[in-house]
Amino acid sequence: MPSLLIRALTERAGLPVLEASTVDAFLAANPHALLFFTGDPAQRTETADVAVVLPELLAVFAGRLGAAVIARAAEAALAPRFRVAVLPNLVVTRGADPVGVLPRIRDWSDYLARIEACLAPDAPVLPPMARPEVRIVHTERAPA
């Protein structure tokens, strides 16, 4: 069950809850979007802080950003696509592409500056997450 603050975002503020099957339609309808990956609010206390800040951010960037909450069940499947490694997280997208990742709670001025930079037409798309790589190097010792 989502926290009261997450429920307030979806019920009172009207933010949609996106599943893996609905995220593309939402992004197609919003040139720029802010996706909220909540994580488990019971385990991640910063989720409540981000949930409080999110409506304020939407007010500042009114008309420039759509916003949605990613369904908890879809977070694991969508996290790599949107470069999410830490929860909670706000992801700024341009179309279907992530252009900014804002993990955990941040200073207000940082949110404003980073989101504004992500909304710039020339903001670069984030590169794909690198897969973990293990290298085993074998060296031979010279005979003594």
N, C-alpha and C. Protein backbone atom coordinates (compact mmCIF):
# COMPACT_ATOMS: atom_id res chain seq x y z
N MET A 1 0.85 -1.18 0.00
CA MET A 1 0.00 0.00 0.00
C MET A 1 0.90 1.24 0.00
N PRO A 2 0.62 2.20 -0.88
CA PRO A 2 1.46 3.40 -0.92
C PRO A 2 1.24 4.27 0.31
N SER A 3 2.23 5.11 0.58
CA SER A 3 2.13 6.02 1.71
C SER A 3 1.04 7.05 1.45
N LEU A 4 0.64 7.75 2.50
CA LEU A 4 -0.39 8.78 2.36
C LEU A 4 0.06 9.88 1.41
N LEU A 5 1.33 10.23 1.44
CA LEU A 5 1.83 11.29 0.56
C LEU A 5 1.83 10.84 -0.90
N ILE A 6 2.17 9.60 -1.16
CA ILE A 6 2.13 9.09 -2.54
C ILE A 6 0.69 9.03 -3.01
N ARG A 7 -0.20 8.57 -2.14
CA ARG A 7 -1.63 8.55 -2.50
C ARG A 7 -2.15 9.95 -2.78
N ALA A 8 -1.69 10.94 -2.02
CA ALA A 8 -2.12 12.32 -2.25
C ALA A 8 -1.65 12.80 -3.62
N LEU A 9 -0.46 12.40 -4.04
CA LEU A 9 0.02 12.78 -5.36
C LEU A 9 -0.87 12.22 -6.46
N THR A 10 -1.31 11.00 -6.27
CA THR A 10 -2.10 10.37 -7.32
C THR A 10 -3.58 10.74 -7.24
N GLU A 11 -4.12 10.84 -6.04
CA GLU A 11 -5.55 11.12 -5.90
C GLU A 11 -5.88 12.61 -5.94
N ARG A 12 -5.17 13.40 -5.15
CA ARG A 12 -5.48 14.83 -5.09
C ARG A 12 -4.81 15.63 -6.21
N ALA A 13 -3.54 15.34 -6.44
CA ALA A 13 -2.81 16.08 -7.48
C ALA A 13 -3.07 15.51 -8.87
N GLY A 14 -3.66 14.33 -8.93
CA GLY A 14 -4.02 13.74 -10.22
C GLY A 14 -2.87 13.16 -11.03
N LEU A 15 -1.75 12.86 -10.38
CA LEU A 15 -0.65 12.25 -11.13
C LEU A 15 -0.98 10.81 -11.46
N PRO A 16 -0.77 10.40 -12.70
CA PRO A 16 -1.03 9.00 -13.05
C PRO A 16 0.03 8.08 -12.46
N VAL A 17 -0.35 6.85 -12.24
CA VAL A 17 0.59 5.81 -11.83
C VAL A 17 0.87 4.98 -13.08
N LEU A 18 2.13 4.93 -13.46
CA LEU A 18 2.50 4.27 -14.72
C LEU A 18 3.05 2.88 -14.49
N GLU A 19 2.59 1.98 -15.32
CA GLU A 19 3.12 0.62 -15.38
C GLU A 19 4.10 0.57 -16.56
N ALA A 20 4.83 -0.51 -16.67
CA ALA A 20 5.75 -0.66 -17.81
C ALA A 20 5.00 -0.58 -19.13
N SER A 21 3.76 -1.03 -19.15
CA SER A 21 2.97 -1.03 -20.38
C SER A 21 2.34 0.32 -20.71
N THR A 22 2.34 1.27 -19.78
CA THR A 22 1.70 2.57 -20.03
C THR A 22 2.67 3.74 -20.08
N VAL A 23 3.93 3.51 -19.74
CA VAL A 23 4.88 4.61 -19.66
C VAL A 23 5.12 5.26 -21.02
N ASP A 24 5.20 4.49 -22.09
CA ASP A 24 5.48 5.06 -23.41
C ASP A 24 4.36 5.97 -23.89
N ALA A 25 3.12 5.60 -23.65
CA ALA A 25 1.99 6.46 -24.05
C ALA A 25 2.03 7.78 -23.28
N PHE A 26 2.35 7.71 -22.00
CA PHE A 26 2.46 8.93 -21.19
C PHE A 26 3.58 9.82 -21.73
N LEU A 27 4.74 9.25 -22.00
CA LEU A 27 5.87 10.04 -22.49
C LEU A 27 5.59 10.63 -23.87
N ALA A 28 4.86 9.91 -24.70
CA ALA A 28 4.51 10.42 -26.02
C ALA A 28 3.61 11.65 -25.92
N ALA A 29 2.81 11.71 -24.87
CA ALA A 29 1.88 12.84 -24.69
C ALA A 29 2.51 14.01 -23.95
N ASN A 30 3.73 13.84 -23.42
CA ASN A 30 4.40 14.88 -22.64
C ASN A 30 5.80 15.10 -23.17
N PRO A 31 6.04 16.23 -23.85
CA PRO A 31 7.39 16.48 -24.39
C PRO A 31 8.49 16.40 -23.34
N HIS A 32 8.20 16.87 -22.13
CA HIS A 32 9.10 16.72 -20.99
C HIS A 32 8.28 16.18 -19.82
N ALA A 33 8.87 15.26 -19.09
CA ALA A 33 8.16 14.67 -17.96
C ALA A 33 9.09 14.49 -16.78
N LEU A 34 8.48 14.40 -15.61
CA LEU A 34 9.17 14.11 -14.36
C LEU A 34 8.57 12.81 -13.83
N LEU A 35 9.38 11.76 -13.79
CA LEU A 35 8.92 10.45 -13.33
C LEU A 35 9.43 10.22 -11.92
N PHE A 36 8.53 9.85 -11.03
CA PHE A 36 8.87 9.64 -9.62
C PHE A 36 8.96 8.15 -9.34
N PHE A 37 10.19 7.66 -9.12
CA PHE A 37 10.45 6.30 -8.67
C PHE A 37 10.52 6.37 -7.15
N THR A 38 9.53 5.83 -6.46
CA THR A 38 9.42 6.04 -5.02
C THR A 38 10.24 5.08 -4.18
N GLY A 39 10.39 3.85 -4.63
CA GLY A 39 10.94 2.84 -3.74
C GLY A 39 9.93 2.57 -2.64
N ASP A 40 10.31 1.80 -1.66
CA ASP A 40 9.42 1.48 -0.55
C ASP A 40 9.49 2.59 0.49
N PRO A 41 8.41 3.38 0.64
CA PRO A 41 8.43 4.48 1.60
C PRO A 41 8.73 4.04 3.04
N ALA A 42 8.40 2.80 3.38
CA ALA A 42 8.67 2.31 4.73
C ALA A 42 10.17 2.11 4.95
N GLN A 43 10.91 1.85 3.89
CA GLN A 43 12.35 1.62 4.00
C GLN A 43 13.17 2.85 3.60
N ARG A 44 12.56 3.73 2.85
CA ARG A 44 13.29 4.89 2.32
C ARG A 44 12.59 6.16 2.79
N THR A 45 13.07 6.71 3.89
CA THR A 45 12.40 7.87 4.49
C THR A 45 12.42 9.10 3.59
N GLU A 46 13.39 9.19 2.69
CA GLU A 46 13.45 10.34 1.80
C GLU A 46 12.31 10.36 0.78
N THR A 47 11.64 9.25 0.59
CA THR A 47 10.51 9.20 -0.35
C THR A 47 9.45 10.22 0.05
N ALA A 48 9.16 10.32 1.32
CA ALA A 48 8.16 11.29 1.78
C ALA A 48 8.61 12.72 1.49
N ASP A 49 9.88 13.00 1.67
CA ASP A 49 10.40 14.34 1.39
C ASP A 49 10.25 14.69 -0.09
N VAL A 50 10.60 13.75 -0.95
CA VAL A 50 10.48 13.99 -2.40
C VAL A 50 9.01 14.15 -2.77
N ALA A 51 8.13 13.38 -2.15
CA ALA A 51 6.70 13.49 -2.43
C ALA A 51 6.15 14.86 -2.05
N VAL A 52 6.71 15.48 -1.03
CA VAL A 52 6.29 16.82 -0.63
C VAL A 52 6.82 17.87 -1.61
N VAL A 53 8.04 17.69 -2.07
CA VAL A 53 8.68 18.65 -2.97
C VAL A 53 8.10 18.58 -4.39
N LEU A 54 7.70 17.41 -4.83
CA LEU A 54 7.26 17.23 -6.22
C LEU A 54 6.15 18.20 -6.65
N PRO A 55 5.07 18.38 -5.90
CA PRO A 55 4.05 19.34 -6.34
C PRO A 55 4.58 20.76 -6.43
N GLU A 56 5.52 21.11 -5.56
CA GLU A 56 6.12 22.44 -5.60
C GLU A 56 6.94 22.62 -6.88
N LEU A 57 7.66 21.58 -7.26
CA LEU A 57 8.43 21.64 -8.51
C LEU A 57 7.49 21.78 -9.70
N LEU A 58 6.40 21.05 -9.67
CA LEU A 58 5.45 21.13 -10.78
C LEU A 58 4.83 22.52 -10.87
N ALA A 59 4.64 23.18 -9.74
CA ALA A 59 4.11 24.54 -9.75
C ALA A 59 5.11 25.50 -10.39
N VAL A 60 6.39 25.34 -10.06
CA VAL A 60 7.42 26.21 -10.62
C VAL A 60 7.55 26.00 -12.13
N PHE A 61 7.47 24.75 -12.56
CA PHE A 61 7.63 24.42 -13.97
C PHE A 61 6.28 24.15 -14.65
N ALA A 62 5.25 24.82 -14.18
CA ALA A 62 3.89 24.62 -14.70
C ALA A 62 3.86 24.79 -16.22
N GLY A 63 3.22 23.85 -16.88
CA GLY A 63 3.09 23.89 -18.33
C GLY A 63 4.32 23.41 -19.08
N ARG A 64 5.39 23.11 -18.36
CA ARG A 64 6.62 22.67 -19.02
C ARG A 64 6.94 21.20 -18.77
N LEU A 65 6.30 20.62 -17.77
CA LEU A 65 6.57 19.24 -17.38
C LEU A 65 5.28 18.50 -17.08
N GLY A 66 5.15 17.30 -17.60
CA GLY A 66 4.13 16.39 -17.11
C GLY A 66 4.78 15.60 -15.98
N ALA A 67 4.00 14.97 -15.15
CA ALA A 67 4.58 14.18 -14.06
C ALA A 67 3.74 12.94 -13.81
N ALA A 68 4.42 11.91 -13.33
CA ALA A 68 3.76 10.65 -13.03
C ALA A 68 4.55 9.91 -11.96
N VAL A 69 3.87 9.01 -11.30
CA VAL A 69 4.49 8.11 -10.32
C VAL A 69 4.65 6.76 -11.00
N ILE A 70 5.83 6.19 -10.90
CA ILE A 70 6.06 4.85 -11.44
C ILE A 70 5.54 3.84 -10.42
N ALA A 71 4.71 2.92 -10.88
CA ALA A 71 4.16 1.89 -10.00
C ALA A 71 5.30 1.09 -9.37
N ARG A 72 5.16 0.79 -8.11
CA ARG A 72 6.21 0.04 -7.41
C ARG A 72 6.56 -1.25 -8.13
N ALA A 73 5.54 -1.94 -8.65
CA ALA A 73 5.78 -3.22 -9.33
C ALA A 73 6.55 -3.04 -10.63
N ALA A 74 6.55 -1.84 -11.20
CA ALA A 74 7.23 -1.58 -12.47
C ALA A 74 8.61 -0.97 -12.29
N GLU A 75 8.96 -0.59 -11.08
CA GLU A 75 10.23 0.11 -10.87
C GLU A 75 11.44 -0.71 -11.30
N ALA A 76 11.50 -1.96 -10.94
CA ALA A 76 12.67 -2.78 -11.27
C ALA A 76 12.83 -2.92 -12.79
N ALA A 77 11.73 -3.07 -13.49
CA ALA A 77 11.79 -3.22 -14.94
C ALA A 77 12.17 -1.92 -15.64
N LEU A 78 11.71 -0.79 -15.11
CA LEU A 78 11.94 0.50 -15.76
C LEU A 78 13.22 1.21 -15.31
N ALA A 79 13.75 0.85 -14.17
CA ALA A 79 14.93 1.55 -13.63
C ALA A 79 16.11 1.59 -14.60
N PRO A 80 16.51 0.49 -15.21
CA PRO A 80 17.66 0.58 -16.13
C PRO A 80 17.40 1.50 -17.33
N ARG A 81 16.20 1.45 -17.85
CA ARG A 81 15.86 2.28 -19.00
C ARG A 81 16.01 3.77 -18.68
N PHE A 82 15.64 4.15 -17.45
CA PHE A 82 15.67 5.56 -17.06
C PHE A 82 16.88 5.92 -16.19
N ARG A 83 17.87 5.02 -16.14
CA ARG A 83 19.15 5.25 -15.44
C ARG A 83 18.98 5.44 -13.95
N VAL A 84 18.04 4.73 -13.36
CA VAL A 84 17.77 4.84 -11.93
C VAL A 84 18.55 3.75 -11.20
N ALA A 85 19.46 4.17 -10.33
CA ALA A 85 20.23 3.23 -9.53
C ALA A 85 19.95 3.39 -8.04
N VAL A 86 19.36 4.54 -7.65
CA VAL A 86 19.09 4.86 -6.25
C VAL A 86 17.64 5.30 -6.12
N LEU A 87 16.99 4.88 -5.04
CA LEU A 87 15.60 5.28 -4.79
C LEU A 87 15.53 6.06 -3.50
N PRO A 88 14.65 7.03 -3.38
CA PRO A 88 13.74 7.55 -4.40
C PRO A 88 14.49 8.35 -5.45
N ASN A 89 13.82 8.60 -6.58
CA ASN A 89 14.47 9.26 -7.68
C ASN A 89 13.45 9.98 -8.55
N LEU A 90 13.81 11.17 -9.00
CA LEU A 90 13.03 11.88 -10.00
C LEU A 90 13.83 11.85 -11.29
N VAL A 91 13.20 11.46 -12.38
CA VAL A 91 13.85 11.39 -13.68
C VAL A 91 13.19 12.40 -14.60
N VAL A 92 13.99 13.25 -15.21
CA VAL A 92 13.49 14.21 -16.19
C VAL A 92 13.68 13.58 -17.57
N THR A 93 12.62 13.58 -18.36
CA THR A 93 12.71 13.01 -19.70
C THR A 93 12.39 14.05 -20.76
N ARG A 94 12.92 13.81 -21.93
CA ARG A 94 12.52 14.53 -23.13
C ARG A 94 12.03 13.45 -24.07
N GLY A 95 10.74 13.44 -24.32
CA GLY A 95 10.17 12.32 -25.06
C GLY A 95 10.38 11.06 -24.25
N ALA A 96 10.88 10.03 -24.89
CA ALA A 96 11.10 8.75 -24.20
C ALA A 96 12.50 8.65 -23.60
N ASP A 97 13.30 9.69 -23.75
CA ASP A 97 14.70 9.63 -23.32
C ASP A 97 14.95 10.35 -22.01
N PRO A 98 15.70 9.74 -21.10
CA PRO A 98 16.07 10.43 -19.85
C PRO A 98 17.16 11.46 -20.11
N VAL A 99 16.97 12.65 -19.56
CA VAL A 99 17.99 13.70 -19.68
C VAL A 99 18.53 14.12 -18.31
N GLY A 100 17.89 13.66 -17.24
CA GLY A 100 18.38 13.99 -15.91
C GLY A 100 17.85 13.02 -14.87
N VAL A 101 18.69 12.70 -13.91
CA VAL A 101 18.33 11.81 -12.81
C VAL A 101 18.65 12.54 -11.52
N LEU A 102 17.65 12.65 -10.65
CA LEU A 102 17.81 13.38 -9.39
C LEU A 102 17.52 12.44 -8.21
N PRO A 103 18.52 11.68 -7.76
CA PRO A 103 18.29 10.73 -6.67
C PRO A 103 18.14 11.41 -5.32
N ARG A 104 17.36 10.78 -4.47
CA ARG A 104 17.15 11.21 -3.08
C ARG A 104 16.63 12.64 -3.01
N ILE A 105 16.61 13.20 -1.84
CA ILE A 105 16.15 14.58 -1.66
C ILE A 105 17.35 15.50 -1.92
N ARG A 106 17.07 16.67 -2.47
CA ARG A 106 18.12 17.61 -2.84
C ARG A 106 17.77 18.99 -2.32
N ASP A 107 18.73 19.89 -2.38
CA ASP A 107 18.46 21.29 -2.07
C ASP A 107 17.53 21.86 -3.14
N TRP A 108 16.66 22.77 -2.72
CA TRP A 108 15.70 23.38 -3.64
C TRP A 108 16.41 24.01 -4.84
N SER A 109 17.49 24.74 -4.59
CA SER A 109 18.20 25.41 -5.68
C SER A 109 18.80 24.39 -6.66
N ASP A 110 19.21 23.24 -6.15
CA ASP A 110 19.74 22.18 -7.01
C ASP A 110 18.64 21.64 -7.92
N TYR A 111 17.46 21.38 -7.34
CA TYR A 111 16.33 20.93 -8.16
C TYR A 111 16.05 21.92 -9.28
N LEU A 112 15.95 23.20 -8.92
CA LEU A 112 15.61 24.21 -9.92
C LEU A 112 16.65 24.29 -11.03
N ALA A 113 17.91 24.33 -10.66
CA ALA A 113 18.98 24.44 -11.65
C ALA A 113 19.06 23.19 -12.53
N ARG A 114 18.99 22.04 -11.93
CA ARG A 114 19.14 20.80 -12.71
C ARG A 114 17.95 20.56 -13.62
N ILE A 115 16.74 20.82 -13.14
CA ILE A 115 15.57 20.62 -14.00
C ILE A 115 15.58 21.63 -15.14
N GLU A 116 15.90 22.87 -14.83
CA GLU A 116 15.98 23.89 -15.88
C GLU A 116 16.99 23.48 -16.95
N ALA A 117 18.14 22.98 -16.55
CA ALA A 117 19.15 22.52 -17.51
C ALA A 117 18.63 21.35 -18.35
N CYS A 118 17.85 20.47 -17.74
CA CYS A 118 17.30 19.32 -18.47
C CYS A 118 16.25 19.74 -19.49
N LEU A 119 15.59 20.86 -19.24
CA LEU A 119 14.57 21.33 -20.17
C LEU A 119 15.15 22.09 -21.36
N ALA A 120 16.42 22.39 -21.33
CA ALA A 120 17.06 23.07 -22.46
C ALA A 120 17.00 22.17 -23.69
N PRO A 121 16.74 22.74 -24.86
CA PRO A 121 16.65 21.92 -26.08
C PRO A 121 17.91 21.14 -26.39
N ASP A 122 19.07 21.65 -25.96
CA ASP A 122 20.32 20.96 -26.26
C ASP A 122 20.81 20.07 -25.11
N ALA A 123 19.96 19.82 -24.13
CA ALA A 123 20.36 18.94 -23.02
C ALA A 123 20.62 17.55 -23.58
N PRO A 124 21.79 16.99 -23.27
CA PRO A 124 22.11 15.67 -23.82
C PRO A 124 21.29 14.56 -23.15
N VAL A 125 20.99 13.56 -23.93
CA VAL A 125 20.32 12.37 -23.42
C VAL A 125 21.36 11.59 -22.61
N LEU A 126 20.93 11.00 -21.51
CA LEU A 126 21.85 10.23 -20.68
C LEU A 126 22.26 8.96 -21.41
N PRO A 127 23.53 8.58 -21.32
CA PRO A 127 23.97 7.34 -21.95
C PRO A 127 23.40 6.14 -21.21
N PRO A 128 23.33 5.00 -21.88
CA PRO A 128 22.85 3.79 -21.20
C PRO A 128 23.72 3.46 -19.99
N MET A 129 23.08 2.82 -19.01
CA MET A 129 23.84 2.39 -17.83
C MET A 129 24.82 1.31 -18.26
N ALA A 130 26.02 1.41 -17.75
CA ALA A 130 27.02 0.39 -18.05
C ALA A 130 26.69 -0.86 -17.25
N ARG A 131 26.86 -1.98 -17.90
CA ARG A 131 26.65 -3.24 -17.19
C ARG A 131 27.90 -3.52 -16.35
N PRO A 132 27.69 -4.13 -15.20
CA PRO A 132 28.86 -4.48 -14.39
C PRO A 132 29.78 -5.39 -15.19
N GLU A 133 31.03 -5.18 -15.02
CA GLU A 133 32.01 -5.97 -15.76
C GLU A 133 33.05 -6.49 -14.80
N VAL A 134 33.34 -7.74 -14.95
CA VAL A 134 34.37 -8.37 -14.13
C VAL A 134 35.49 -8.80 -15.05
N ARG A 135 36.68 -8.40 -14.71
CA ARG A 135 37.84 -8.82 -15.49
C ARG A 135 38.77 -9.61 -14.57
N ILE A 136 39.22 -10.70 -15.08
CA ILE A 136 40.18 -11.51 -14.34
C ILE A 136 41.50 -11.42 -15.10
N VAL A 137 42.48 -10.94 -14.42
CA VAL A 137 43.79 -10.78 -15.04
C VAL A 137 44.73 -11.76 -14.37
N HIS A 138 45.35 -12.55 -15.20
CA HIS A 138 46.30 -13.53 -14.69
C HIS A 138 47.70 -13.06 -15.04
N THR A 139 48.52 -12.97 -14.04
CA THR A 139 49.92 -12.63 -14.29
C THR A 139 50.78 -13.76 -13.76
N GLU A 140 51.80 -14.03 -14.48
CA GLU A 140 52.71 -15.09 -14.05
C GLU A 140 53.88 -14.45 -13.32
N ARG A 141 54.25 -15.12 -12.31
CA ARG A 141 55.44 -14.66 -11.57
C ARG A 141 56.69 -15.19 -12.28
N ALA A 142 57.67 -14.37 -12.27
CA ALA A 142 58.96 -14.83 -12.83
C ALA A 142 59.56 -15.84 -11.87
N PRO A 143 60.20 -16.85 -12.42
CA PRO A 143 60.83 -17.83 -11.53
C PRO A 143 61.87 -17.15 -10.64
N ALA A 144 61.94 -17.59 -9.41
CA ALA A 144 62.87 -17.00 -8.46
C ALA A 144 64.25 -17.55 -8.57
